[in-house]
Structure formats: C-alpha cells, structure tokens
PDB file of N, CA and C in Angstrom:
ATOM      1  N   MET A   1     -90.983-127.145  83.786  1.00  0.00           N
ATOM      2  CA  MET A   1     -90.956-128.530  83.687  1.00  0.00           C
ATOM      3  C   MET A   1     -92.123-129.110  84.081  1.00  0.00           C
ATOM      4  N   GLN A   2     -92.918-128.822  84.852  1.00  0.00           N
ATOM      5  CA  GLN A   2     -94.158-129.304  85.375  1.00  0.00           C
ATOM      6  C   GLN A   2     -95.252-129.187  84.256  1.00  0.00           C
ATOM      7  N   ARG A   3     -95.186-128.315  83.385  1.00  0.00           N
ATOM      8  CA  ARG A   3     -96.077-128.067  82.391  1.00  0.00           C
ATOM      9  C   ARG A   3     -95.668-129.201  81.247  1.00  0.00           C
ATOM     10  N   VAL A   4     -94.535-129.478  81.104  1.00  0.00           N
ATOM     11  CA  VAL A   4     -94.179-130.610  80.219  1.00  0.00           C
ATOM     12  C   VAL A   4     -94.539-131.906  80.694  1.00  0.00           C
ATOM     13  N   VAL A   5     -94.121-132.215  81.865  1.00  0.00           N
ATOM     14  CA  VAL A   5     -94.335-133.627  82.458  1.00  0.00           C
ATOM     15  C   VAL A   5     -95.762-133.933  82.623  1.00  0.00           C
ATOM     16  N   TYR A   6     -96.622-133.081  83.254  1.00  0.00           N
ATOM     17  CA  TYR A   6     -97.705-133.355  83.575  1.00  0.00           C
ATOM     18  C   TYR A   6     -98.843-132.759  82.547  1.00  0.00           C
ATOM     19  N   GLU A   7     -98.341-132.124  81.597  1.00  0.00           N
ATOM     20  CA  GLU A   7     -99.152-131.462  80.522  1.00  0.00           C
ATOM     21  C   GLU A   7    -100.397-130.673  81.156  1.00  0.00           C
ATOM     22  N   LYS A   8    -100.180-129.996  82.200  1.00  0.00           N
ATOM     23  CA  LYS A   8    -100.906-129.016  83.008  1.00  0.00           C
ATOM     24  C   LYS A   8    -100.300-127.761  83.260  1.00  0.00           C
ATOM     25  N   ALA A   9    -100.682-126.586  82.577  1.00  0.00           N
ATOM     26  CA  ALA A   9    -100.052-125.443  82.816  1.00  0.00           C
ATOM     27  C   ALA A   9    -100.216-124.794  84.144  1.00  0.00           C
ATOM     28  N   GLN A  10    -101.161-125.304  84.903  1.00  0.00           N
ATOM     29  CA  GLN A  10    -101.343-124.536  86.283  1.00  0.00           C
ATOM     30  C   GLN A  10    -100.921-125.188  87.513  1.00  0.00           C
ATOM     31  N   LEU A  11    -100.218-126.518  87.385  1.00  0.00           N
ATOM     32  CA  LEU A  11     -99.884-127.079  88.514  1.00  0.00           C
ATOM     33  C   LEU A  11     -99.233-126.163  89.573  1.00  0.00           C
ATOM     34  N   MET A  12     -98.397-125.319  89.141  1.00  0.00           N
ATOM     35  CA  MET A  12     -97.646-124.340  89.903  1.00  0.00           C
ATOM     36  C   MET A  12     -97.870-122.888  89.269  1.00  0.00           C
ATOM     37  N   SER A  13     -98.094-121.946  89.856  1.00  0.00           N
ATOM     38  CA  SER A  13     -98.224-120.639  89.406  1.00  0.00           C
ATOM     39  C   SER A  13     -96.966-119.950  88.944  1.00  0.00           C
ATOM     40  N   ALA A  14     -96.821-119.074  88.251  1.00  0.00           N
ATOM     41  CA  ALA A  14     -95.742-118.323  87.817  1.00  0.00           C
ATOM     42  C   ALA A  14     -95.069-117.657  89.033  1.00  0.00           C
ATOM     43  N   LYS A  15     -95.967-117.312  89.916  1.00  0.00           N
ATOM     44  CA  LYS A  15     -95.461-116.652  91.144  1.00  0.00           C
ATOM     45  C   LYS A  15     -94.553-117.649  91.957  1.00  0.00           C
ATOM     46  N   GLU A  16     -95.327-118.805  92.158  1.00  0.00           N
ATOM     47  CA  GLU A  16     -94.560-119.898  92.976  1.00  0.00           C
ATOM     48  C   GLU A  16     -93.190-120.395  92.167  1.00  0.00           C
ATOM     49  N   VAL A  17     -93.105-120.512  90.883  1.00  0.00           N
ATOM     50  CA  VAL A  17     -92.014-120.939  90.190  1.00  0.00           C
ATOM     51  C   VAL A  17     -90.826-119.922  90.235  1.00  0.00           C
ATOM     52  N   PHE A  18     -91.337-118.506  90.265  1.00  0.00           N
ATOM     53  CA  PHE A  18     -90.482-117.422  90.360  1.00  0.00           C
ATOM     54  C   PHE A  18     -89.787-117.326  91.868  1.00  0.00           C
ATOM     55  N   LYS A  19     -90.674-117.597  92.903  1.00  0.00           N
ATOM     56  CA  LYS A  19     -90.153-117.444  94.253  1.00  0.00           C
ATOM     57  C   LYS A  19     -89.290-118.766  94.363  1.00  0.00           C
ATOM     58  N   MET A  20     -89.606-119.894  93.861  1.00  0.00           N
ATOM     59  CA  MET A  20     -88.612-121.059  93.884  1.00  0.00           C
ATOM     60  C   MET A  20     -87.144-120.583  93.464  1.00  0.00           C
ATOM     61  N   ALA A  21     -87.072-120.087  92.255  1.00  0.00           N
ATOM     62  CA  ALA A  21     -85.880-119.691  91.575  1.00  0.00           C
ATOM     63  C   ALA A  21     -85.218-118.493  92.295  1.00  0.00           C
ATOM     64  N   THR A  22     -85.776-117.691  92.989  1.00  0.00           N
ATOM     65  CA  THR A  22     -85.094-116.451  93.522  1.00  0.00           C
ATOM     66  C   THR A  22     -84.988-116.799  95.003  1.00  0.00           C
ATOM     67  N   VAL A  23     -86.160-116.316  95.543  1.00  0.00           N
ATOM     68  CA  VAL A  23     -86.078-116.350  97.255  1.00  0.00           C
ATOM     69  C   VAL A  23     -85.625-117.684  97.811  1.00  0.00           C
ATOM     70  N   ASN A  24     -86.231-118.717  97.274  1.00  0.00           N
ATOM     71  CA  ASN A  24     -85.816-120.067  97.859  1.00  0.00           C
ATOM     72  C   ASN A  24     -84.467-120.544  97.580  1.00  0.00           C
ATOM     73  N   GLY A  25     -84.262-120.194  96.237  1.00  0.00           N
ATOM     74  CA  GLY A  25     -82.947-120.655  95.758  1.00  0.00           C
ATOM     75  C   GLY A  25     -81.784-119.994  96.691  1.00  0.00           C
ATOM     76  N   SER A  26     -81.776-118.612  96.895  1.00  0.00           N
ATOM     77  CA  SER A  26     -80.968-117.924  97.669  1.00  0.00           C
ATOM     78  C   SER A  26     -81.002-118.577  99.111  1.00  0.00           C
ATOM     79  N   LYS A  27     -82.141-118.828  99.568  1.00  0.00           N
ATOM     80  CA  LYS A  27     -82.243-119.396 100.979  1.00  0.00           C
ATOM     81  C   LYS A  27     -81.266-120.706 101.042  1.00  0.00           C
ATOM     82  N   ALA A  28     -81.513-121.650  99.983  1.00  0.00           N
ATOM     83  CA  ALA A  28     -80.890-123.008  99.890  1.00  0.00           C
ATOM     84  C   ALA A  28     -79.336-122.719  99.899  1.00  0.00           C
ATOM     85  N   LEU A  29     -78.996-121.664  99.202  1.00  0.00           N
ATOM     86  CA  LEU A  29     -77.500-121.382  99.175  1.00  0.00           C
ATOM     87  C   LEU A  29     -76.962-120.393 100.519  1.00  0.00           C
ATOM     88  N   ARG A  30     -77.841-119.999 101.338  1.00  0.00           N
ATOM     89  CA  ARG A  30     -77.655-119.299 102.499  1.00  0.00           C
ATOM     90  C   ARG A  30     -76.937-118.026 101.914  1.00  0.00           C
ATOM     91  N   MET A  31     -77.724-117.388 100.989  1.00  0.00           N
ATOM     92  CA  MET A  31     -77.220-116.076 100.606  1.00  0.00           C
ATOM     93  C   MET A  31     -78.354-115.056 100.869  1.00  0.00           C
ATOM     94  N   LYS A  32     -77.899-113.825 101.059  1.00  0.00           N
ATOM     95  CA  LYS A  32     -78.726-112.684 101.292  1.00  0.00           C
ATOM     96  C   LYS A  32     -79.072-112.066  99.611  1.00  0.00           C
ATOM     97  N   SER A  33     -79.904-112.916  98.936  1.00  0.00           N
ATOM     98  CA  SER A  33     -80.278-112.300  97.741  1.00  0.00           C
ATOM     99  C   SER A  33     -81.598-113.020  97.439  1.00  0.00           C
ATOM    100  N   GLY A  34     -81.992-112.667  96.150  1.00  0.00           N
ATOM    101  CA  GLY A  34     -83.299-113.157  95.846  1.00  0.00           C
ATOM    102  C   GLY A  34     -84.535-112.335  96.103  1.00  0.00           C
ATOM    103  N   GLU A  35     -84.334-111.212  96.769  1.00  0.00           N
ATOM    104  CA  GLU A  35     -85.381-110.167  97.080  1.00  0.00           C
ATOM    105  C   GLU A  35     -84.808-108.742  96.997  1.00  0.00           C
ATOM    106  N   LEU A  36     -85.732-107.810  96.618  1.00  0.00           N
ATOM    107  CA  LEU A  36     -85.223-106.378  96.592  1.00  0.00           C
ATOM    108  C   LEU A  36     -85.660-105.940  98.243  1.00  0.00           C
ATOM    109  N   LYS A  37     -84.471-105.969  98.844  1.00  0.00           N
ATOM    110  CA  LYS A  37     -84.710-105.857 100.330  1.00  0.00           C
ATOM    111  C   LYS A  37     -83.450-105.164 100.957  1.00  0.00           C
ATOM    112  N   GLU A  38     -83.415-104.283 101.919  1.00  0.00           N
ATOM    113  CA  GLU A  38     -82.530-103.696 102.518  1.00  0.00           C
ATOM    114  C   GLU A  38     -81.519-104.754 103.101  1.00  0.00           C
ATOM    115  N   GLY A  39     -80.158-104.492 102.815  1.00  0.00           N
ATOM    116  CA  GLY A  39     -79.229-105.465 103.405  1.00  0.00           C
ATOM    117  C   GLY A  39     -78.781-106.685 102.392  1.00  0.00           C
ATOM    118  N   TYR A  40     -79.815-106.692 101.428  1.00  0.00           N
ATOM    119  CA  TYR A  40     -79.410-107.920 100.296  1.00  0.00           C
ATOM    120  C   TYR A  40     -78.681-107.366  99.174  1.00  0.00           C
ATOM    121  N   LEU A  41     -77.997-108.395  98.470  1.00  0.00           N
ATOM    122  CA  LEU A  41     -77.393-108.000  97.380  1.00  0.00           C
ATOM    123  C   LEU A  41     -78.153-107.353  96.453  1.00  0.00           C
ATOM    124  N   ALA A  42     -77.767-106.318  95.542  1.00  0.00           N
ATOM    125  CA  ALA A  42     -78.548-105.665  94.479  1.00  0.00           C
ATOM    126  C   ALA A  42     -78.215-106.166  93.219  1.00  0.00           C
ATOM    127  N   ASP A  43     -78.853-107.607  93.075  1.00  0.00           N
ATOM    128  CA  ASP A  43     -78.850-108.331  91.768  1.00  0.00           C
ATOM    129  C   ASP A  43     -80.011-108.287  90.920  1.00  0.00           C
ATOM    130  N   LEU A  44     -80.036-107.721  89.792  1.00  0.00           N
ATOM    131  CA  LEU A  44     -81.134-107.574  88.918  1.00  0.00           C
ATOM    132  C   LEU A  44     -80.905-108.099  87.667  1.00  0.00           C
ATOM    133  N   VAL A  45     -81.804-108.626  86.977  1.00  0.00           N
ATOM    134  CA  VAL A  45     -81.702-108.978  85.656  1.00  0.00           C
ATOM    135  C   VAL A  45     -82.844-108.327  84.847  1.00  0.00           C
ATOM    136  N   LEU A  46     -82.453-107.564  83.739  1.00  0.00           N
ATOM    137  CA  LEU A  46     -83.449-106.678  82.879  1.00  0.00           C
ATOM    138  C   LEU A  46     -83.385-107.350  81.577  1.00  0.00           C
ATOM    139  N   LEU A  47     -84.844-107.583  81.116  1.00  0.00           N
ATOM    140  CA  LEU A  47     -85.161-108.183  79.933  1.00  0.00           C
ATOM    141  C   LEU A  47     -85.589-107.256  78.795  1.00  0.00           C
ATOM    142  N   ASP A  48     -85.445-107.619  77.653  1.00  0.00           N
ATOM    143  CA  ASP A  48     -86.015-106.863  76.422  1.00  0.00           C
ATOM    144  C   ASP A  48     -87.349-107.020  76.268  1.00  0.00           C
ATOM    145  N   SER A  49     -88.152-106.110  76.845  1.00  0.00           N
ATOM    146  CA  SER A  49     -89.692-106.131  76.884  1.00  0.00           C
ATOM    147  C   SER A  49     -90.322-106.053  75.505  1.00  0.00           C
ATOM    148  N   LYS A  50     -89.506-105.872  74.540  1.00  0.00           N
ATOM    149  CA  LYS A  50     -90.042-105.774  73.006  1.00  0.00           C
ATOM    150  C   LYS A  50     -89.741-107.018  72.532  1.00  0.00           C
ATOM    151  N   ALA A  51     -89.084-108.030  72.990  1.00  0.00           N
ATOM    152  CA  ALA A  51     -89.021-109.200  72.251  1.00  0.00           C
ATOM    153  C   ALA A  51     -90.176-110.064  71.970  1.00  0.00           C
ATOM    154  N   PRO A  52     -90.152-110.519  70.750  1.00  0.00           N
ATOM    155  CA  PRO A  52     -91.535-111.125  70.357  1.00  0.00           C
ATOM    156  C   PRO A  52     -92.049-112.409  71.392  1.00  0.00           C
ATOM    157  N   ASN A  53     -91.082-113.132  71.851  1.00  0.00           N
ATOM    158  CA  ASN A  53     -91.532-114.231  72.666  1.00  0.00           C
ATOM    159  C   ASN A  53     -92.021-113.801  73.910  1.00  0.00           C
ATOM    160  N   LEU A  54     -91.902-112.494  74.329  1.00  0.00           N
ATOM    161  CA  LEU A  54     -92.437-111.995  75.642  1.00  0.00           C
ATOM    162  C   LEU A  54     -93.712-111.223  75.509  1.00  0.00           C
ATOM    163  N   ASN A  55     -94.113-111.006  74.233  1.00  0.00           N
ATOM    164  CA  ASN A  55     -95.270-110.491  73.982  1.00  0.00           C
ATOM    165  C   ASN A  55     -96.522-111.163  73.537  1.00  0.00           C
ATOM    166  N   PRO A  56     -97.763-110.791  73.679  1.00  0.00           N
ATOM    167  CA  PRO A  56     -98.088-109.476  74.306  1.00  0.00           C
ATOM    168  C   PRO A  56     -97.663-109.274  75.745  1.00  0.00           C
ATOM    169  N   LEU A  57     -97.292-108.221  76.170  1.00  0.00           N
ATOM    170  CA  LEU A  57     -96.672-108.108  77.426  1.00  0.00           C
ATOM    171  C   LEU A  57     -97.736-106.994  78.335  1.00  0.00           C
ATOM    172  N   TYR A  58     -98.286-107.317  79.282  1.00  0.00           N
ATOM    173  CA  TYR A  58     -99.325-106.584  80.025  1.00  0.00           C
ATOM    174  C   TYR A  58     -98.896-106.547  81.337  1.00  0.00           C
ATOM    175  N   GLU A  59     -99.399-105.556  82.185  1.00  0.00           N
ATOM    176  CA  GLU A  59     -98.983-105.641  83.552  1.00  0.00           C
ATOM    177  C   GLU A  59     -99.416-106.770  84.332  1.00  0.00           C
ATOM    178  N   ASP A  60    -100.521-107.378  83.954  1.00  0.00           N
ATOM    179  CA  ASP A  60    -101.181-108.615  84.662  1.00  0.00           C
ATOM    180  C   ASP A  60    -100.517-109.935  84.107  1.00  0.00           C
ATOM    181  N   ASN A  61     -99.591-109.850  83.082  1.00  0.00           N
ATOM    182  CA  ASN A  61     -99.044-111.178  82.711  1.00  0.00           C
ATOM    183  C   ASN A  61     -97.480-111.171  82.679  1.00  0.00           C
ATOM    184  N   VAL A  62     -96.776-110.104  83.230  1.00  0.00           N
ATOM    185  CA  VAL A  62     -95.356-109.918  83.263  1.00  0.00           C
ATOM    186  C   VAL A  62     -94.726-111.176  83.813  1.00  0.00           C
ATOM    187  N   LEU A  63     -95.048-111.301  85.025  1.00  0.00           N
ATOM    188  CA  LEU A  63     -94.378-112.507  85.790  1.00  0.00           C
ATOM    189  C   LEU A  63     -94.673-113.807  84.999  1.00  0.00           C
ATOM    190  N   SER A  64     -95.735-114.028  84.412  1.00  0.00           N
ATOM    191  CA  SER A  64     -96.106-115.370  83.705  1.00  0.00           C
ATOM    192  C   SER A  64     -95.209-115.468  82.495  1.00  0.00           C
ATOM    193  N   GLN A  65     -94.825-114.208  81.771  1.00  0.00           N
ATOM    194  CA  GLN A  65     -94.147-114.342  80.408  1.00  0.00           C
ATOM    195  C   GLN A  65     -92.801-114.443  80.884  1.00  0.00           C
ATOM    196  N   VAL A  66     -92.298-113.878  81.929  1.00  0.00           N
ATOM    197  CA  VAL A  66     -90.854-113.938  82.343  1.00  0.00           C
ATOM    198  C   VAL A  66     -90.575-115.514  82.695  1.00  0.00           C
ATOM    199  N   VAL A  67     -91.441-116.050  83.528  1.00  0.00           N
ATOM    200  CA  VAL A  67     -91.282-117.384  84.029  1.00  0.00           C
ATOM    201  C   VAL A  67     -91.511-118.507  82.820  1.00  0.00           C
ATOM    202  N   PHE A  68     -92.367-118.475  81.963  1.00  0.00           N
ATOM    203  CA  PHE A  68     -92.617-119.442  80.929  1.00  0.00           C
ATOM    204  C   PHE A  68     -92.436-119.045  79.498  1.00  0.00           C
ATOM    205  N   ALA A  69     -91.765-117.887  79.265  1.00  0.00           N
ATOM    206  CA  ALA A  69     -91.514-117.530  77.926  1.00  0.00           C
ATOM    207  C   ALA A  69     -90.308-117.005  77.585  1.00  0.00           C
ATOM    208  N   ALA A  70     -89.601-116.521  78.612  1.00  0.00           N
ATOM    209  CA  ALA A  70     -88.306-115.780  78.459  1.00  0.00           C
ATOM    210  C   ALA A  70     -87.202-116.807  78.345  1.00  0.00           C
ATOM    211  N   HIS A  71     -86.054-116.452  77.587  1.00  0.00           N
ATOM    212  CA  HIS A  71     -85.075-117.278  77.471  1.00  0.00           C
ATOM    213  C   HIS A  71     -83.653-116.244  77.606  1.00  0.00           C
ATOM    214  N   PRO A  72     -82.573-116.853  77.565  1.00  0.00           N
ATOM    215  CA  PRO A  72     -81.337-115.985  77.845  1.00  0.00           C
ATOM    216  C   PRO A  72     -81.131-114.894  76.831  1.00  0.00           C
ATOM    217  N   GLY A  73     -81.622-115.121  75.582  1.00  0.00           N
ATOM    218  CA  GLY A  73     -81.469-114.126  74.514  1.00  0.00           C
ATOM    219  C   GLY A  73     -82.094-112.914  74.851  1.00  0.00           C
ATOM    220  N   ASN A  74     -83.178-112.928  75.873  1.00  0.00           N
ATOM    221  CA  ASN A  74     -83.972-111.735  76.335  1.00  0.00           C
ATOM    222  C   ASN A  74     -83.034-110.935  77.145  1.00  0.00           C
ATOM    223  N   VAL A  75     -82.129-111.349  77.818  1.00  0.00           N
ATOM    224  CA  VAL A  75     -81.394-110.541  78.791  1.00  0.00           C
ATOM    225  C   VAL A  75     -80.701-109.322  78.253  1.00  0.00           C
ATOM    226  N   LYS A  76     -81.058-108.129  78.707  1.00  0.00           N
ATOM    227  CA  LYS A  76     -80.345-106.849  78.158  1.00  0.00           C
ATOM    228  C   LYS A  76     -79.392-106.435  79.085  1.00  0.00           C
ATOM    229  N   TYR A  77     -79.628-106.375  80.376  1.00  0.00           N
ATOM    230  CA  TYR A  77     -78.659-105.979  81.555  1.00  0.00           C
ATOM    231  C   TYR A  77     -78.803-106.866  82.668  1.00  0.00           C
ATOM    232  N   VAL A  78     -77.465-107.027  83.155  1.00  0.00           N
ATOM    233  CA  VAL A  78     -77.394-107.826  84.408  1.00  0.00           C
ATOM    234  C   VAL A  78     -76.694-106.926  85.457  1.00  0.00           C
ATOM    235  N   ILE A  79     -77.130-106.810  86.634  1.00  0.00           N
ATOM    236  CA  ILE A  79     -76.497-106.012  87.739  1.00  0.00           C
ATOM    237  C   ILE A  79     -76.355-106.941  88.825  1.00  0.00           C
ATOM    238  N   VAL A  80     -75.035-107.105  89.295  1.00  0.00           N
ATOM    239  CA  VAL A  80     -74.683-107.942  90.327  1.00  0.00           C
ATOM    240  C   VAL A  80     -74.074-107.199  91.527  1.00  0.00           C
ATOM    241  N   ASP A  81     -74.684-107.273  92.605  1.00  0.00           N
ATOM    242  CA  ASP A  81     -74.259-106.553  93.747  1.00  0.00           C
ATOM    243  C   ASP A  81     -74.113-105.138  93.452  1.00  0.00           C
ATOM    244  N   GLY A  82     -74.971-104.536  92.714  1.00  0.00           N
ATOM    245  CA  GLY A  82     -74.866-103.231  92.367  1.00  0.00           C
ATOM    246  C   GLY A  82     -73.931-102.760  91.177  1.00  0.00           C
ATOM    247  N   LYS A  83     -73.297-103.790  90.457  1.00  0.00           N
ATOM    248  CA  LYS A  83     -72.413-103.579  89.409  1.00  0.00           C
ATOM    249  C   LYS A  83     -72.802-103.998  88.166  1.00  0.00           C
ATOM    250  N   LEU A  84     -72.794-103.139  87.122  1.00  0.00           N
ATOM    251  CA  LEU A  84     -73.350-103.808  85.741  1.00  0.00           C
ATOM    252  C   LEU A  84     -72.424-104.663  85.257  1.00  0.00           C
ATOM    253  N   VAL A  85     -72.843-105.825  84.938  1.00  0.00           N
ATOM    254  CA  VAL A  85     -71.883-106.967  84.501  1.00  0.00           C
ATOM    255  C   VAL A  85     -72.451-107.446  82.935  1.00  0.00           C
ATOM    256  N   VAL A  86     -73.530-107.149  82.719  1.00  0.00           N
ATOM    257  CA  VAL A  86     -74.009-107.428  81.235  1.00  0.00           C
ATOM    258  C   VAL A  86     -74.782-106.114  80.616  1.00  0.00           C
ATOM    259  N   GLU A  87     -74.289-105.726  79.527  1.00  0.00           N
ATOM    260  CA  GLU A  87     -74.989-104.597  78.958  1.00  0.00           C
ATOM    261  C   GLU A  87     -75.271-104.793  77.489  1.00  0.00           C
ATOM    262  N   ASN A  88     -76.538-104.509  77.090  1.00  0.00           N
ATOM    263  CA  ASN A  88     -77.029-104.932  75.640  1.00  0.00           C
ATOM    264  C   ASN A  88     -76.759-106.370  75.376  1.00  0.00           C
ATOM    265  N   GLY A  89     -76.842-107.286  76.401  1.00  0.00           N
ATOM    266  CA  GLY A  89     -76.735-108.755  75.998  1.00  0.00           C
ATOM    267  C   GLY A  89     -75.354-109.200  76.041  1.00  0.00           C
ATOM    268  N   LYS A  90     -74.388-108.251  76.339  1.00  0.00           N
ATOM    269  CA  LYS A  90     -72.914-108.758  76.049  1.00  0.00           C
ATOM    270  C   LYS A  90     -72.276-108.584  77.530  1.00  0.00           C
ATOM    271  N   SER A  91     -71.508-109.595  77.780  1.00  0.00           N
ATOM    272  CA  SER A  91     -70.778-109.590  79.175  1.00  0.00           C
ATOM    273  C   SER A  91     -69.897-108.526  79.270  1.00  0.00           C
ATOM    274  N   LEU A  92     -69.752-107.891  80.327  1.00  0.00           N
ATOM    275  CA  LEU A  92     -68.581-106.776  80.464  1.00  0.00           C
ATOM    276  C   LEU A  92     -67.410-107.487  81.299  1.00  0.00           C
ATOM    277  N   MET A  93     -67.688-108.652  81.636  1.00  0.00           N
ATOM    278  CA  MET A  93     -66.730-109.342  82.461  1.00  0.00           C
ATOM    279  C   MET A  93     -65.672-110.021  81.855  1.00  0.00           C
ATOM    280  N   VAL A  94     -66.051-110.624  80.661  1.00  0.00           N
ATOM    281  CA  VAL A  94     -64.999-111.469  79.788  1.00  0.00           C
ATOM    282  C   VAL A  94     -65.201-111.106  78.240  1.00  0.00           C
ATOM    283  N   ASP A  95     -64.269-111.445  77.585  1.00  0.00           N
ATOM    284  CA  ASP A  95     -64.225-111.185  76.032  1.00  0.00           C
ATOM    285  C   ASP A  95     -64.833-112.290  75.415  1.00  0.00           C
ATOM    286  N   GLU A  96     -66.298-112.136  75.058  1.00  0.00           N
ATOM    287  CA  GLU A  96     -67.112-113.194  74.588  1.00  0.00           C
ATOM    288  C   GLU A  96     -66.475-113.580  73.232  1.00  0.00           C
ATOM    289  N   ASP A  97     -66.063-112.680  72.385  1.00  0.00           N
ATOM    290  CA  ASP A  97     -65.532-113.027  71.030  1.00  0.00           C
ATOM    291  C   ASP A  97     -64.264-113.924  71.116  1.00  0.00           C
ATOM    292  N   LYS A  98     -63.524-113.658  72.087  1.00  0.00           N
ATOM    293  CA  LYS A  98     -62.187-114.457  72.238  1.00  0.00           C
ATOM    294  C   LYS A  98     -62.582-115.770  72.722  1.00  0.00           C
ATOM    295  N   ILE A  99     -63.566-115.999  73.572  1.00  0.00           N
ATOM    296  CA  ILE A  99     -64.172-117.244  74.229  1.00  0.00           C
ATOM    297  C   ILE A  99     -64.676-118.119  73.025  1.00  0.00           C
ATOM    298  N   VAL A 100     -65.551-117.361  72.208  1.00  0.00           N
ATOM    299  CA  VAL A 100     -66.188-118.168  71.151  1.00  0.00           C
ATOM    300  C   VAL A 100     -65.101-118.750  70.014  1.00  0.00           C
ATOM    301  N   ASP A 101     -64.066-117.774  69.680  1.00  0.00           N
ATOM    302  CA  ASP A 101     -63.080-118.143  68.816  1.00  0.00           C
ATOM    303  C   ASP A 101     -62.141-119.288  69.340  1.00  0.00           C
ATOM    304  N   LYS A 102     -61.851-119.325  70.679  1.00  0.00           N
ATOM    305  CA  LYS A 102     -61.307-120.443  71.195  1.00  0.00           C
ATOM    306  C   LYS A 102     -62.144-121.717  71.011  1.00  0.00           C
ATOM    307  N   ALA A 103     -63.404-121.619  71.395  1.00  0.00           N
ATOM    308  CA  ALA A 103     -64.205-122.872  71.289  1.00  0.00           C
ATOM    309  C   ALA A 103     -64.380-123.377  69.882  1.00  0.00           C
ATOM    310  N   ILE A 104     -64.495-122.402  68.892  1.00  0.00           N
ATOM    311  CA  ILE A 104     -64.465-122.956  67.444  1.00  0.00           C
ATOM    312  C   ILE A 104     -63.185-123.553  67.238  1.00  0.00           C
ATOM    313  N   LYS A 105     -61.921-122.910  67.567  1.00  0.00           N
ATOM    314  CA  LYS A 105     -60.719-123.560  67.267  1.00  0.00           C
ATOM    315  C   LYS A 105     -60.572-124.837  67.968  1.00  0.00           C
ATOM    316  N   ARG A 106     -61.011-125.086  69.081  1.00  0.00           N
ATOM    317  CA  ARG A 106     -60.918-126.219  69.934  1.00  0.00           C
ATOM    318  C   ARG A 106     -61.750-127.414  69.177  1.00  0.00           C
ATOM    319  N   GLY A 107     -62.890-126.948  68.791  1.00  0.00           N
ATOM    320  CA  GLY A 107     -63.981-127.872  68.188  1.00  0.00           C
ATOM    321  C   GLY A 107     -63.268-128.249  66.902  1.00  0.00           C
ATOM    322  N   LYS A 108     -62.758-127.622  66.087  1.00  0.00           N
ATOM    323  CA  LYS A 108     -62.007-128.000  64.744  1.00  0.00           C
ATOM    324  C   LYS A 108     -61.098-129.143  65.069  1.00  0.00           C
ATOM    325  N   GLU A 109     -60.177-128.726  66.070  1.00  0.00           N
ATOM    326  CA  GLU A 109     -59.182-129.672  66.594  1.00  0.00           C
ATOM    327  C   GLU A 109     -59.669-130.946  66.879  1.00  0.00           C
ATOM    328  N   LEU A 110     -60.698-131.077  67.601  1.00  0.00           N
ATOM    329  CA  LEU A 110     -61.410-132.266  68.069  1.00  0.00           C
ATOM    330  C   LEU A 110     -61.959-132.988  66.987  1.00  0.00           C
ATOM    331  N   LEU A 111     -62.733-132.327  66.046  1.00  0.00           N
ATOM    332  CA  LEU A 111     -63.062-132.993  64.802  1.00  0.00           C
ATOM    333  C   LEU A 111     -62.099-133.639  63.997  1.00  0.00           C
ATOM    334  N   LYS A 112     -60.778-132.918  63.875  1.00  0.00           N
ATOM    335  CA  LYS A 112     -59.723-133.452  63.111  1.00  0.00           C
ATOM    336  C   LYS A 112     -59.456-134.886  63.890  1.00  0.00           C
ATOM    337  N   LYS A 113     -59.009-134.613  65.209  1.00  0.00           N
ATOM    338  CA  LYS A 113     -58.681-135.906  65.909  1.00  0.00           C
ATOM    339  C   LYS A 113     -59.666-136.892  65.881  1.00  0.00           C
ATOM    340  N   LEU A 114     -60.932-136.771  65.793  1.00  0.00           N
ATOM    341  CA  LEU A 114     -61.834-137.858  65.640  1.00  0.00           C
ATOM    342  C   LEU A 114     -61.852-138.374  64.286  1.00  0.00           C
ATOM    343  N   ALA A 115     -61.614-137.547  63.299  1.00  0.00           N
ATOM    344  CA  ALA A 115     -61.653-137.956  61.833  1.00  0.00           C
ATOM    345  C   ALA A 115     -60.423-138.989  61.702  1.00  0.00           C
ATOM    346  N   LYS A 116     -59.298-138.543  62.328  1.00  0.00           N
ATOM    347  CA  LYS A 116     -58.021-139.427  62.214  1.00  0.00           C
ATOM    348  C   LYS A 116     -58.281-140.889  62.939  1.00  0.00           C
ATOM    349  N   ASN A 117     -58.984-140.852  63.973  1.00  0.00           N
ATOM    350  CA  ASN A 117     -59.349-142.186  64.717  1.00  0.00           C
ATOM    351  C   ASN A 117     -60.414-143.151  64.199  1.00  0.00           C
ATOM    352  N   ASN A 118     -61.069-142.572  63.160  1.00  0.00           N
ATOM    353  CA  ASN A 118     -62.112-143.362  62.452  1.00  0.00           C
ATOM    354  C   ASN A 118     -61.719-143.813  61.230  1.00  0.00           C
TER     355      ASN A 118
END
C-alpha cells in the first residue's frame, strides 16, 4: 500500500511488512500464532515457488517476493494448527465447485431480477 500511495518502494521493508501481517497481526488478536515457536499454533502457507510472478526467486529476495509479488493464486498448501486445509490450491474444508455453482446460479437470478426491474 505504501508503495502505491507514496510511490516509494522502500518506505517499509519487506521484513517490516511481513512482521506486521504475521507477528503483530496475531498480537492484535491476542492469538498465539504468527511465529514458528514452541507453544504457538502450527499455521503455515506454502507457495508455488515456480510461479512466474515470484521469479526470479533467490535466497536473498524470497521475503520481498512473497510480500510484494505473491497473490492468492500462488498458494499451494495451507496448514492450520497442524492440519492440512488447502492442498494444491484447493480447499479441503469446503466443496469449492459447489460454492461456485451456487454463486453462478444466484448471480443469474439476480441479473434476471434486475432486468425485470429496468
């Protein structure tokens, strides 16, 4: 956000932004998460390191690429409290196809209703 508003890429480092989103976000919610630490929830997000938008990916730019270039489509796996909940980018907790089908159906119904009212 700061990069867009102020047109300066280095107002905040990738490390500062990442800490705000993880460690400080968890503190704000009074949760024991946001860090890989004994006694904390085992929550991890694993990204597709071969995704074009994350490359070139080198040891010294990983954090910067994650903070400034990654998007939800890069998510391969999510582990929450030690349990796998997303595998190969697909939720294991809900039927995504069913949700999308319902959304499409509802969208069509709303468009028909809108067309009748105009």
